[in-house]
Amino acid sequence: MATQQPGILAIWNGCLVGREAEFDAWFQGEHLLERLAVPGFLFGRRHQAISGRAGFFNFYLVEQPAVLTSKPYLERLDNPTPMTRKIMSEVFLNMNRTLCHRTLRRGAFRGAYAVTVRFDTQPDEAALAAQIDVLLQGPSIASGEIWMAVDPAGQPVSMEEKLRGGDKKIKACLMVDTLRQDAAEQTGARLATQFPGADVGVFRVLCQLGRGDL
C-alpha cells in the first residue's frame, strides 16, 4: 500500500511596521499552540526574513493534506479568536498561503536557516530534486523538501482569509534547511540563478513546536 504524502501549509506574509511585537505575542502566545491542537497537525515552524520579498515565513506539517480541509480545522478558521481577528485584519500584509503535498524530503535534520524558492508556475519536479541532491553534498546543508500545491478548486474561503482580504497562492516550493547563515545566503544565490523566474527568500528560524514538545 502506498504511503500517504504528508501535507504542508505554507505561508509567507509581511507585517505592518511597528506592530511586530503584537505579531510575536500572538504567534508564540496563542496561534502556534492553537494550530497544534487541531487533530493531524504535527509540527510548526516560524521564520523571519534575512532577504527576499516576504518578511515572514511559516509552515505546518500535517499527517496528510486532507487535515487542512478537515472539519476541526475549518471550524477553527471560521471562528477566529479576538486576537486573531486583530492580527489578520490590522497587522498582516501580502498574505501568501497554500495547501501542499510534501512530495520529497531528503536529509535527516532541520537547520537554523531556511531558503524558500516559490514558483507561480508548475516547475520541473525532477530538476528540483536534482538541486537538492547536489546541495546535500555540502556538510552545511541539513535537508531539502519539495512542496507541490493541492488543487485549490473547492477549498472554502474562511473567515480568517476574509479578514486578510484574500490570499495569494503558489504552485510549488523548494525549501532547503542550512546550519549557518552564510550557507543559506550562498544557497539562495545559487537557486536564484538556477530558477530566475522564482521568488527566493532566505530566513532565520524564530521558533518551532511539535506535538512531542507539548
Protein backbone atom coordinates (compact mmCIF):
# COMPACT_ATOMS: atom_id res chain seq x y z
CA MET A 1 0.00 0.00 0.00
CA ALA A 2 1.36 3.43 -0.94
CA THR A 3 2.20 5.78 1.90
CA GLN A 4 0.10 8.94 2.06
CA GLN A 5 2.16 12.06 1.38
CA PRO A 6 2.30 14.44 4.34
CA GLY A 7 0.63 17.80 3.95
CA ILE A 8 2.22 21.22 4.29
CA LEU A 9 0.53 24.54 4.94
CA ALA A 10 3.00 27.09 3.54
CA ILE A 11 2.62 30.76 4.49
CA TRP A 12 4.57 33.92 3.64
CA ASN A 13 3.47 37.35 4.82
CA GLY A 14 4.54 40.84 5.78
CA CYS A 15 3.84 42.72 8.98
CA LEU A 16 2.74 46.32 9.41
CA VAL A 17 5.71 48.36 10.62
CA GLY A 18 5.52 48.98 14.35
CA ARG A 19 3.22 46.00 15.03
CA GLU A 20 5.91 43.29 15.20
CA ALA A 21 5.61 42.85 18.98
CA GLU A 22 1.88 42.12 18.63
CA PHE A 23 2.63 39.59 15.88
CA ASP A 24 5.19 37.86 18.13
CA ALA A 25 2.85 37.80 21.13
CA TRP A 26 0.02 36.33 19.08
CA PHE A 27 2.08 33.69 17.29
CA GLN A 28 4.00 32.40 20.31
CA GLY A 29 1.29 33.04 22.89
CA GLU A 30 -1.74 31.69 21.06
CA HIS A 31 -1.55 30.75 17.41
CA LEU A 32 1.08 28.01 17.25
CA LEU A 33 -0.38 26.18 20.25
CA GLU A 34 -3.88 26.55 18.80
CA ARG A 35 -2.89 25.02 15.49
CA LEU A 36 -1.02 22.10 17.08
CA ALA A 37 -4.21 21.30 19.00
CA VAL A 38 -6.01 20.50 15.71
CA PRO A 39 -6.05 16.72 15.03
CA GLY A 40 -3.48 15.82 12.37
CA PHE A 41 -1.16 18.80 12.92
CA LEU A 42 2.35 17.53 13.70
CA PHE A 43 4.81 20.42 13.62
CA GLY A 44 5.00 24.16 13.03
CA ARG A 45 7.95 26.48 12.48
CA ARG A 46 8.21 30.27 12.13
CA HIS A 47 10.94 32.29 10.37
CA GLN A 48 11.92 35.91 9.78
CA ALA A 49 13.49 37.11 6.54
CA ILE A 50 17.17 37.87 6.03
CA SER A 51 16.47 38.65 2.39
CA GLY A 52 13.58 38.36 -0.06
CA ARG A 53 10.18 39.91 -0.59
CA ALA A 54 8.32 38.32 2.34
CA GLY A 55 9.10 39.47 5.86
CA PHE A 56 8.00 36.21 7.49
CA PHE A 57 7.60 32.55 6.52
CA ASN A 58 5.99 29.77 8.49
CA PHE A 59 4.83 26.29 7.72
CA TYR A 60 2.91 23.47 9.33
CA LEU A 61 3.47 19.75 8.75
CA VAL A 62 0.28 17.69 8.90
CA GLU A 63 -0.41 13.98 8.55
CA GLN A 64 -1.96 14.41 5.10
CA PRO A 65 -3.31 17.33 3.06
CA ALA A 66 -6.91 16.40 3.96
CA VAL A 67 -6.22 17.63 7.52
CA LEU A 68 -6.15 21.16 6.07
CA THR A 69 -9.74 20.86 4.84
CA SER A 70 -11.00 18.84 7.82
CA LYS A 71 -14.00 19.93 9.88
CA PRO A 72 -11.99 20.68 13.08
CA TYR A 73 -9.52 22.88 11.18
CA LEU A 74 -12.16 24.72 9.14
CA GLU A 75 -14.16 25.38 12.31
CA ARG A 76 -11.05 26.96 13.81
CA LEU A 77 -10.56 29.15 10.74
CA ASP A 78 -14.17 30.29 10.76
CA ASN A 79 -14.18 31.14 14.47
CA PRO A 80 -11.04 33.25 14.98
CA THR A 81 -10.19 34.47 18.48
CA PRO A 82 -10.29 38.21 19.20
CA MET A 83 -6.51 38.39 18.97
CA THR A 84 -6.53 36.51 15.66
CA ARG A 85 -9.14 38.89 14.25
CA LYS A 86 -6.95 41.83 15.18
CA ILE A 87 -3.77 40.36 13.68
CA MET A 88 -5.45 39.19 10.47
CA SER A 89 -7.27 42.47 9.81
CA GLU A 90 -4.74 45.02 11.08
CA VAL A 91 -1.21 43.53 11.10
CA PHE A 92 -0.78 41.01 8.26
CA LEU A 93 0.30 42.23 4.82
CA ASN A 94 0.60 40.45 1.46
CA MET A 95 -0.56 37.04 2.65
CA ASN A 96 0.53 34.06 0.53
CA ARG A 97 -0.97 30.80 1.79
CA THR A 98 -1.07 27.42 0.03
CA LEU A 99 -2.08 23.87 0.91
CA CYS A 100 0.57 21.46 -0.40
CA HIS A 101 1.68 17.85 -0.65
CA ARG A 102 5.23 17.24 0.55
CA THR A 103 6.39 15.08 -2.35
CA LEU A 104 10.06 14.77 -1.37
CA ARG A 105 12.22 15.16 1.73
CA ARG A 106 15.92 14.34 1.74
CA GLY A 107 18.27 14.80 4.66
CA ALA A 108 17.60 13.83 8.27
CA PHE A 109 17.92 17.17 10.05
CA ARG A 110 16.31 20.58 10.35
CA GLY A 111 18.51 23.63 10.30
CA ALA A 112 18.68 27.07 11.87
CA TYR A 113 18.17 28.82 8.49
CA ALA A 114 15.89 28.15 5.54
CA VAL A 115 15.82 29.06 1.87
CA THR A 116 12.48 29.00 0.06
CA VAL A 117 12.05 29.07 -3.70
CA ARG A 118 8.43 29.87 -4.59
CA PHE A 119 7.04 29.04 -8.01
CA ASP A 120 3.95 30.66 -9.52
CA THR A 121 4.02 28.24 -12.46
CA GLN A 122 4.44 24.47 -12.37
CA PRO A 123 8.17 23.64 -12.08
CA ASP A 124 10.06 20.57 -13.26
CA GLU A 125 9.98 18.46 -10.10
CA ALA A 126 12.92 16.33 -11.24
CA ALA A 127 15.04 19.48 -11.61
CA LEU A 128 14.16 20.50 -8.04
CA ALA A 129 15.13 17.05 -6.74
CA ALA A 130 18.42 17.24 -8.64
CA GLN A 131 19.23 20.57 -6.96
CA ILE A 132 18.58 19.05 -3.54
CA ASP A 133 20.89 16.13 -4.32
CA VAL A 134 23.69 18.49 -5.33
CA LEU A 135 23.22 20.75 -2.31
CA LEU A 136 23.20 17.85 0.16
CA GLN A 137 26.77 17.02 -0.84
CA GLY A 138 27.81 20.02 1.26
CA PRO A 139 28.11 19.50 5.05
CA SER A 140 26.31 22.75 5.88
CA ILE A 141 23.04 21.65 4.24
CA ALA A 142 20.67 19.95 6.68
CA SER A 143 17.82 18.87 4.38
CA GLY A 144 15.68 19.74 1.39
CA GLU A 145 11.97 19.38 0.61
CA ILE A 146 9.63 19.80 -2.36
CA TRP A 147 6.08 21.01 -1.81
CA MET A 148 3.52 20.82 -4.61
CA ALA A 149 0.27 22.76 -4.30
CA VAL A 150 -3.02 20.96 -3.83
CA ASP A 151 -5.59 21.96 -6.45
CA PRO A 152 -7.40 24.91 -4.80
CA ALA A 153 -10.71 24.10 -6.52
CA GLY A 154 -13.36 23.58 -3.86
CA GLN A 155 -11.29 24.95 -0.98
CA PRO A 156 -13.56 27.26 1.03
CA VAL A 157 -12.73 30.89 1.76
CA SER A 158 -12.51 31.02 5.55
CA MET A 159 -13.38 33.87 7.90
CA GLU A 160 -9.66 34.31 8.57
CA GLU A 161 -8.96 34.77 4.86
CA LYS A 162 -11.82 37.26 4.55
CA LEU A 163 -10.29 39.28 7.40
CA ARG A 164 -7.00 39.35 5.46
CA GLY A 165 -8.69 40.46 2.26
CA GLY A 166 -7.80 37.33 0.29
CA ASP A 167 -4.65 35.24 -0.10
CA LYS A 168 -2.21 34.65 -2.94
CA LYS A 169 -1.11 31.08 -3.72
CA ILE A 170 1.89 29.30 -5.21
CA LYS A 171 2.19 26.26 -7.46
CA ALA A 172 5.21 24.75 -5.68
CA CYS A 173 8.07 25.43 -3.29
CA LEU A 174 11.59 24.13 -2.83
CA MET A 175 12.76 24.53 0.79
CA VAL A 176 16.35 23.96 1.89
CA ASP A 177 17.49 23.99 5.52
CA THR A 178 21.05 25.03 6.36
CA LEU A 179 23.13 25.06 9.53
CA ARG A 180 24.56 28.57 9.15
CA GLN A 181 23.59 31.90 7.65
CA ASP A 182 26.41 32.07 5.11
CA ALA A 183 25.35 28.71 3.69
CA ALA A 184 21.74 29.90 3.44
CA GLU A 185 22.76 33.06 1.61
CA GLN A 186 25.01 31.15 -0.78
CA THR A 187 22.27 28.59 -1.40
CA GLY A 188 19.75 31.36 -2.05
CA ALA A 189 22.05 32.99 -4.59
CA ARG A 190 22.65 29.64 -6.32
CA LEU A 191 18.96 28.81 -6.55
CA ALA A 192 18.07 32.31 -7.77
CA THR A 193 20.44 31.69 -10.67
CA GLN A 194 19.07 28.21 -11.34
CA PHE A 195 15.43 29.35 -11.20
CA PRO A 196 15.39 33.01 -12.34
CA GLY A 197 11.60 33.23 -12.55
CA ALA A 198 11.05 32.13 -8.96
CA ASP A 199 10.81 34.13 -5.73
CA VAL A 200 13.77 33.25 -3.47
CA GLY A 201 13.85 34.13 0.23
CA VAL A 202 16.44 33.49 2.95
CA PHE A 203 15.16 33.17 6.52
CA ARG A 204 16.31 32.50 10.06
CA VAL A 205 14.26 30.27 12.36
CA LEU A 206 12.43 32.10 15.15
CA CYS A 207 10.61 29.26 16.88
CA GLN A 208 9.18 25.81 16.31
CA LEU A 209 6.83 23.42 18.06
CA GLY A 210 5.95 19.78 17.51
CA ARG A 211 3.40 17.50 19.13
CA GLY A 212 6.22 15.80 21.01
CA ASP A 213 7.05 19.12 22.70
CA LEU A 214 3.60 19.53 24.24
